[in-house]
Amino acid sequence: MKKILLGLSIIVALSACTSSEEKIDIPTQVQTLNENVMKNSNTLTDIKSENEELKIQLKQSQKEAAIVIEQIKIIEAFEETGVTVAKVNNNLLLTLPEETAFKSSKSVLSEDMKEVLDQISETLMTYPNLDAVIKGHTDNIGPEEFNQKLSEERAIAVSTYLMDKGIESSRLEALGLGSYEPIDDNDTIEGQMANRRIDITISY
């Protein structure tokens, strides 16, 4: 009988110890849980931050893709006009064809040039987010002061025509560069004709 009581006493004592140990573990477990919650919270914050960055990158990519699509459509629109289109940085540079060149010492728009400008005005109307910088150029015949003034008059003539077609003046800038930026040899008649030109930069 004494042996049985002793055995029961040992079991009770062990149970008490186990219960005491479990109580001691609770704060530790709570601390561990809190640490896990904090880690998960930080992880979620990091994921949210990464998602925001991805959203920004996605929006930027979508914007760039939209610009490329617009540029492709613009290039296609000028395929039959003879206009040379080049991509410069993120803009499009339109150089009007030689057959629409100004006559020597003149700033009067030819009918061929007007047809090209009609297409340009349609493009600017279709894409109201676009602006245009119009640069007038001359050959090197005559005094440079005269050429400078003439190049300005040519740029203004183009700008005025586009405004008459409904393009707001705030979207247009007209510049005269005289004979300082030739694209061909001024020693030939063909080269002089090529240099009497208008460059239009379509920008965003």
C-alpha atoms as a PDB file:
ATOM      1  CA  MET A   1       0.000   0.000   0.000  1.00  0.00           C
ATOM      2  CA  LYS A   2       2.863   2.350   0.869  1.00  0.00           C
ATOM      3  CA  LYS A   3       4.466   1.544  -2.494  1.00  0.00           C
ATOM      4  CA  ILE A   4       1.262   2.464  -4.321  1.00  0.00           C
ATOM      5  CA  LEU A   5       0.972   5.771  -2.467  1.00  0.00           C
ATOM      6  CA  LEU A   6       4.596   6.554  -3.238  1.00  0.00           C
ATOM      7  CA  GLY A   7       4.035   5.866  -6.926  1.00  0.00           C
ATOM      8  CA  LEU A   8       1.004   8.136  -6.968  1.00  0.00           C
ATOM      9  CA  SER A   9       2.975  10.840  -5.224  1.00  0.00           C
ATOM     10  CA  ILE A  10       5.715  10.666  -7.884  1.00  0.00           C
ATOM     11  CA  ILE A  11       3.153  10.880 -10.709  1.00  0.00           C
ATOM     12  CA  VAL A  12       1.458  13.885  -9.085  1.00  0.00           C
ATOM     13  CA  ALA A  13       4.821  15.560  -8.606  1.00  0.00           C
ATOM     14  CA  LEU A  14       5.786  14.984 -12.255  1.00  0.00           C
ATOM     15  CA  SER A  15       2.424  16.290 -13.390  1.00  0.00           C
ATOM     16  CA  ALA A  16       2.903  19.408 -11.306  1.00  0.00           C
ATOM     17  CA  CYS A  17       6.328  19.948 -12.832  1.00  0.00           C
ATOM     18  CA  THR A  18       4.978  19.481 -16.329  1.00  0.00           C
ATOM     19  CA  SER A  19       2.144  21.916 -15.656  1.00  0.00           C
ATOM     20  CA  SER A  20       4.603  24.426 -14.225  1.00  0.00           C
ATOM     21  CA  GLU A  21       6.850  24.081 -17.288  1.00  0.00           C
ATOM     22  CA  GLU A  22       3.902  24.643 -19.641  1.00  0.00           C
ATOM     23  CA  LYS A  23       3.013  27.837 -17.797  1.00  0.00           C
ATOM     24  CA  ILE A  24       6.586  29.053 -18.146  1.00  0.00           C
ATOM     25  CA  ASP A  25       6.513  28.342 -21.909  1.00  0.00           C
ATOM     26  CA  ILE A  26       3.430  30.515 -22.533  1.00  0.00           C
ATOM     27  CA  PRO A  27       5.259  33.882 -22.419  1.00  0.00           C
ATOM     28  CA  THR A  28       7.975  32.413 -24.613  1.00  0.00           C
ATOM     29  CA  GLN A  29       5.392  31.166 -27.064  1.00  0.00           C
ATOM     30  CA  VAL A  30       3.649  34.555 -27.035  1.00  0.00           C
ATOM     31  CA  GLN A  31       6.942  36.262 -27.717  1.00  0.00           C
ATOM     32  CA  THR A  32       7.652  33.855 -30.553  1.00  0.00           C
ATOM     33  CA  LEU A  33       4.206  34.479 -31.999  1.00  0.00           C
ATOM     34  CA  ASN A  34       4.731  38.228 -31.773  1.00  0.00           C
ATOM     35  CA  GLU A  35       8.063  37.906 -33.503  1.00  0.00           C
ATOM     36  CA  ASN A  36       6.453  35.839 -36.265  1.00  0.00           C
ATOM     37  CA  VAL A  37       3.650  38.358 -36.630  1.00  0.00           C
ATOM     38  CA  MET A  38       6.212  41.151 -36.924  1.00  0.00           C
ATOM     39  CA  LYS A  39       8.202  39.204 -39.501  1.00  0.00           C
ATOM     40  CA  ASN A  40       5.052  38.503 -41.504  1.00  0.00           C
ATOM     41  CA  SER A  41       4.052  42.153 -41.217  1.00  0.00           C
ATOM     42  CA  ASN A  42       7.455  43.254 -42.503  1.00  0.00           C
ATOM     43  CA  THR A  43       7.230  40.703 -45.281  1.00  0.00           C
ATOM     44  CA  LEU A  44       3.801  42.015 -46.285  1.00  0.00           C
ATOM     45  CA  THR A  45       5.137  45.582 -46.200  1.00  0.00           C
ATOM     46  CA  ASP A  46       8.015  44.580 -48.451  1.00  0.00           C
ATOM     47  CA  ILE A  47       5.640  42.804 -50.820  1.00  0.00           C
ATOM     48  CA  LYS A  48       3.349  45.845 -50.889  1.00  0.00           C
ATOM     49  CA  SER A  49       6.319  48.107 -51.622  1.00  0.00           C
ATOM     50  CA  GLU A  50       7.484  45.790 -54.403  1.00  0.00           C
ATOM     51  CA  ASN A  51       3.957  45.710 -55.823  1.00  0.00           C
ATOM     52  CA  GLU A  52       3.837  49.522 -55.868  1.00  0.00           C
ATOM     53  CA  GLU A  53       7.168  49.618 -57.684  1.00  0.00           C
ATOM     54  CA  LEU A  54       5.888  47.035 -60.162  1.00  0.00           C
ATOM     55  CA  LYS A  55       2.749  49.117 -60.722  1.00  0.00           C
ATOM     56  CA  ILE A  56       4.860  52.191 -61.453  1.00  0.00           C
ATOM     57  CA  GLN A  57       7.090  50.226 -63.820  1.00  0.00           C
ATOM     58  CA  LEU A  58       4.041  48.723 -65.525  1.00  0.00           C
ATOM     59  CA  LYS A  59       2.427  52.133 -66.009  1.00  0.00           C
ATOM     60  CA  GLN A  60       5.687  53.495 -67.424  1.00  0.00           C
ATOM     61  CA  SER A  61       5.970  50.523 -69.785  1.00  0.00           C
ATOM     62  CA  GLN A  62       2.369  51.006 -70.895  1.00  0.00           C
ATOM     63  CA  LYS A  63       3.040  54.695 -71.529  1.00  0.00           C
ATOM     64  CA  GLU A  64       6.158  53.906 -73.544  1.00  0.00           C
ATOM     65  CA  ALA A  65       4.285  51.253 -75.519  1.00  0.00           C
ATOM     66  CA  ALA A  66       1.497  53.739 -76.287  1.00  0.00           C
ATOM     67  CA  ILE A  67       4.079  56.247 -77.552  1.00  0.00           C
ATOM     68  CA  VAL A  68       5.671  53.628 -79.799  1.00  0.00           C
ATOM     69  CA  ILE A  69       2.259  52.692 -81.230  1.00  0.00           C
ATOM     70  CA  GLU A  70       1.534  56.375 -81.914  1.00  0.00           C
ATOM     71  CA  GLN A  71       4.903  56.829 -83.590  1.00  0.00           C
ATOM     72  CA  ILE A  72       4.363  53.798 -85.818  1.00  0.00           C
ATOM     73  CA  LYS A  73       0.988  55.191 -86.920  1.00  0.00           C
ATOM     74  CA  ILE A  74       2.543  58.594 -87.614  1.00  0.00           C
ATOM     75  CA  ILE A  75       5.338  57.040 -89.660  1.00  0.00           C
ATOM     76  CA  GLU A  76       2.792  55.022 -91.651  1.00  0.00           C
ATOM     77  CA  ALA A  77       0.752  58.175 -92.274  1.00  0.00           C
ATOM     78  CA  PHE A  78       3.702  59.780 -94.083  1.00  0.00           C
ATOM     79  CA  GLU A  79       4.770  56.775 -96.144  1.00  0.00           C
ATOM     80  CA  GLU A  80       3.153  58.089 -99.328  1.00  0.00           C
ATOM     81  CA  THR A  81       4.086  61.751 -98.863  1.00  0.00           C
ATOM     82  CA  GLY A  82       7.838  61.588 -99.368  1.00  0.00           C
ATOM     83  CA  VAL A  83       8.447  62.975 -95.877  1.00  0.00           C
ATOM     84  CA  THR A  84      11.576  61.585 -94.249  1.00  0.00           C
ATOM     85  CA  VAL A  85      10.847  60.443 -90.693  1.00  0.00           C
ATOM     86  CA  ALA A  86      13.636  59.782 -88.202  1.00  0.00           C
ATOM     87  CA  LYS A  87      13.433  58.965 -84.517  1.00  0.00           C
ATOM     88  CA  VAL A  88      15.581  61.303 -82.421  1.00  0.00           C
ATOM     89  CA  ASN A  89      15.639  60.402 -78.745  1.00  0.00           C
ATOM     90  CA  ASN A  90      11.940  59.916 -78.008  1.00  0.00           C
ATOM     91  CA  ASN A  91      10.750  62.341 -80.694  1.00  0.00           C
ATOM     92  CA  LEU A  92      10.071  62.144 -84.415  1.00  0.00           C
ATOM     93  CA  LEU A  93      11.903  64.400 -86.859  1.00  0.00           C
ATOM     94  CA  LEU A  94      10.004  65.091 -90.079  1.00  0.00           C
ATOM     95  CA  THR A  95      11.994  66.516 -92.986  1.00  0.00           C
ATOM     96  CA  LEU A  96       9.842  67.732 -95.844  1.00  0.00           C
ATOM     97  CA  PRO A  97      10.823  66.287 -99.233  1.00  0.00           C
ATOM     98  CA  GLU A  98      13.007  68.155-101.729  1.00  0.00           C
ATOM     99  CA  GLU A  99      10.162  68.570-104.216  1.00  0.00           C
ATOM    100  CA  THR A 100       8.341  70.703-101.680  1.00  0.00           C
ATOM    101  CA  ALA A 101      11.408  72.889-101.085  1.00  0.00           C
ATOM    102  CA  PHE A 102      11.075  76.638-101.100  1.00  0.00           C
ATOM    103  CA  LYS A 103      12.199  78.520-104.141  1.00  0.00           C
ATOM    104  CA  SER A 104      15.424  80.457-103.710  1.00  0.00           C
ATOM    105  CA  SER A 105      14.957  83.568-101.534  1.00  0.00           C
ATOM    106  CA  LYS A 106      11.249  82.805-101.072  1.00  0.00           C
ATOM    107  CA  SER A 107       9.136  81.829 -98.079  1.00  0.00           C
ATOM    108  CA  VAL A 108       5.939  81.120-100.009  1.00  0.00           C
ATOM    109  CA  LEU A 109       4.438  77.663 -99.414  1.00  0.00           C
ATOM    110  CA  SER A 110       4.093  75.564-102.544  1.00  0.00           C
ATOM    111  CA  GLU A 111       0.973  73.502-103.186  1.00  0.00           C
ATOM    112  CA  ASP A 112       3.002  70.327-102.671  1.00  0.00           C
ATOM    113  CA  MET A 113       4.155  71.576 -99.289  1.00  0.00           C
ATOM    114  CA  LYS A 114       0.605  72.458 -98.316  1.00  0.00           C
ATOM    115  CA  GLU A 115      -0.475  68.889 -99.014  1.00  0.00           C
ATOM    116  CA  VAL A 116       2.241  67.605 -96.701  1.00  0.00           C
ATOM    117  CA  LEU A 117       1.319  70.172 -94.038  1.00  0.00           C
ATOM    118  CA  ASP A 118      -2.308  69.069 -94.302  1.00  0.00           C
ATOM    119  CA  GLN A 119      -1.195  65.584 -93.284  1.00  0.00           C
ATOM    120  CA  ILE A 120       0.893  67.017 -90.450  1.00  0.00           C
ATOM    121  CA  SER A 121      -2.058  69.065 -89.184  1.00  0.00           C
ATOM    122  CA  GLU A 122      -4.261  65.945 -89.263  1.00  0.00           C
ATOM    123  CA  THR A 123      -1.634  64.101 -87.231  1.00  0.00           C
ATOM    124  CA  LEU A 124      -1.475  66.882 -84.645  1.00  0.00           C
ATOM    125  CA  MET A 125      -5.271  66.969 -84.447  1.00  0.00           C
ATOM    126  CA  THR A 126      -5.406  63.201 -83.971  1.00  0.00           C
ATOM    127  CA  TYR A 127      -2.821  63.295 -81.186  1.00  0.00           C
ATOM    128  CA  PRO A 128      -3.503  66.416 -79.076  1.00  0.00           C
ATOM    129  CA  ASN A 129      -0.700  65.452 -76.671  1.00  0.00           C
ATOM    130  CA  LEU A 130       1.903  66.191 -79.358  1.00  0.00           C
ATOM    131  CA  ASP A 131       3.746  69.468 -79.892  1.00  0.00           C
ATOM    132  CA  ALA A 132       5.761  70.571 -82.905  1.00  0.00           C
ATOM    133  CA  VAL A 133       8.980  72.539 -83.231  1.00  0.00           C
ATOM    134  CA  ILE A 134       9.289  73.975 -86.743  1.00  0.00           C
ATOM    135  CA  LYS A 135      12.762  74.847 -87.980  1.00  0.00           C
ATOM    136  CA  GLY A 136      13.347  76.846 -91.149  1.00  0.00           C
ATOM    137  CA  HIS A 137      16.560  76.349 -93.149  1.00  0.00           C
ATOM    138  CA  THR A 138      18.169  77.994 -96.167  1.00  0.00           C
ATOM    139  CA  ASP A 139      21.048  77.316 -98.528  1.00  0.00           C
ATOM    140  CA  ASN A 140      24.183  79.425 -98.142  1.00  0.00           C
ATOM    141  CA  ILE A 141      23.560  81.737-101.076  1.00  0.00           C
ATOM    142  CA  GLY A 142      23.480  85.401-100.043  1.00  0.00           C
ATOM    143  CA  PRO A 143      24.368  87.190 -96.800  1.00  0.00           C
ATOM    144  CA  GLU A 144      23.828  85.180 -93.637  1.00  0.00           C
ATOM    145  CA  GLU A 145      21.746  87.946 -92.086  1.00  0.00           C
ATOM    146  CA  PHE A 146      19.354  87.679 -95.003  1.00  0.00           C
ATOM    147  CA  ASN A 147      19.318  83.879 -94.755  1.00  0.00           C
ATOM    148  CA  GLN A 148      18.580  84.024 -91.041  1.00  0.00           C
ATOM    149  CA  LYS A 149      15.581  86.271 -91.596  1.00  0.00           C
ATOM    150  CA  LEU A 150      14.407  84.126 -94.506  1.00  0.00           C
ATOM    151  CA  SER A 151      14.616  80.923 -92.453  1.00  0.00           C
ATOM    152  CA  GLU A 152      12.507  82.545 -89.743  1.00  0.00           C
ATOM    153  CA  GLU A 153       9.916  83.610 -92.312  1.00  0.00           C
ATOM    154  CA  ARG A 154       9.767  80.049 -93.673  1.00  0.00           C
ATOM    155  CA  ALA A 155       9.222  78.586 -90.196  1.00  0.00           C
ATOM    156  CA  ILE A 156       6.544  81.194 -89.474  1.00  0.00           C
ATOM    157  CA  ALA A 157       4.832  80.473 -92.803  1.00  0.00           C
ATOM    158  CA  VAL A 158       4.534  76.795 -91.860  1.00  0.00           C
ATOM    159  CA  SER A 159       3.412  77.578 -88.314  1.00  0.00           C
ATOM    160  CA  THR A 160       0.763  80.013 -89.578  1.00  0.00           C
ATOM    161  CA  TYR A 161      -0.563  77.445 -92.040  1.00  0.00           C
ATOM    162  CA  LEU A 162      -0.910  74.837 -89.274  1.00  0.00           C
ATOM    163  CA  MET A 163      -2.660  77.332 -87.009  1.00  0.00           C
ATOM    164  CA  ASP A 164      -5.074  78.147 -89.832  1.00  0.00           C
ATOM    165  CA  LYS A 165      -5.838  74.416 -89.891  1.00  0.00           C
ATOM    166  CA  GLY A 166      -6.852  74.520 -86.232  1.00  0.00           C
ATOM    167  CA  ILE A 167      -3.643  73.714 -84.380  1.00  0.00           C
ATOM    168  CA  GLU A 168      -3.264  75.824 -81.232  1.00  0.00           C
ATOM    169  CA  SER A 169      -0.327  78.229 -81.267  1.00  0.00           C
ATOM    170  CA  SER A 170       0.745  76.978 -77.819  1.00  0.00           C
ATOM    171  CA  ARG A 171       1.614  73.632 -79.416  1.00  0.00           C
ATOM    172  CA  LEU A 172       3.870  75.168 -82.068  1.00  0.00           C
ATOM    173  CA  GLU A 173       7.306  76.765 -81.941  1.00  0.00           C
ATOM    174  CA  ALA A 174       8.886  78.366 -85.016  1.00  0.00           C
ATOM    175  CA  LEU A 175      12.660  78.791 -85.284  1.00  0.00           C
ATOM    176  CA  GLY A 176      14.949  80.060 -88.032  1.00  0.00           C
ATOM    177  CA  LEU A 177      18.431  78.543 -88.333  1.00  0.00           C
ATOM    178  CA  GLY A 178      19.649  80.187 -91.522  1.00  0.00           C
ATOM    179  CA  SER A 179      22.192  78.076 -93.401  1.00  0.00           C
ATOM    180  CA  TYR A 180      23.931  76.711 -90.301  1.00  0.00           C
ATOM    181  CA  GLU A 181      22.545  73.155 -90.490  1.00  0.00           C
ATOM    182  CA  PRO A 182      22.837  71.952 -94.104  1.00  0.00           C
ATOM    183  CA  ILE A 183      21.965  68.358 -94.913  1.00  0.00           C
ATOM    184  CA  ASP A 184      23.548  68.412 -98.368  1.00  0.00           C
ATOM    185  CA  ASP A 185      26.323  70.049-100.363  1.00  0.00           C
ATOM    186  CA  ASN A 186      25.588  73.702-101.052  1.00  0.00           C
ATOM    187  CA  ASP A 187      27.966  73.584-104.039  1.00  0.00           C
ATOM    188  CA  THR A 188      25.322  71.826-106.146  1.00  0.00           C
ATOM    189  CA  ILE A 189      21.860  72.941-107.223  1.00  0.00           C
ATOM    190  CA  GLU A 190      20.388  69.734-105.830  1.00  0.00           C
ATOM    191  CA  GLY A 191      22.140  70.268-102.528  1.00  0.00           C
ATOM    192  CA  GLN A 192      20.898  73.843-102.306  1.00  0.00           C
ATOM    193  CA  MET A 193      17.332  72.668-102.906  1.00  0.00           C
ATOM    194  CA  ALA A 194      17.663  70.044-100.179  1.00  0.00           C
ATOM    195  CA  ASN A 195      18.954  72.634 -97.731  1.00  0.00           C
ATOM    196  CA  ARG A 196      16.013  74.980 -98.402  1.00  0.00           C
ATOM    197  CA  ARG A 197      13.804  72.938 -96.160  1.00  0.00           C
ATOM    198  CA  ILE A 198      11.589  72.691 -93.111  1.00  0.00           C
ATOM    199  CA  ASP A 199      12.303  70.270 -90.271  1.00  0.00           C
ATOM    200  CA  ILE A 200       9.436  69.539 -87.884  1.00  0.00           C
ATOM    201  CA  THR A 201      10.152  67.775 -84.597  1.00  0.00           C
ATOM    202  CA  ILE A 202       7.108  66.041 -83.140  1.00  0.00           C
ATOM    203  CA  SER A 203       7.583  65.847 -79.399  1.00  0.00           C
ATOM    204  CA  TYR A 204       5.705  64.554 -76.347  1.00  0.00           C
END
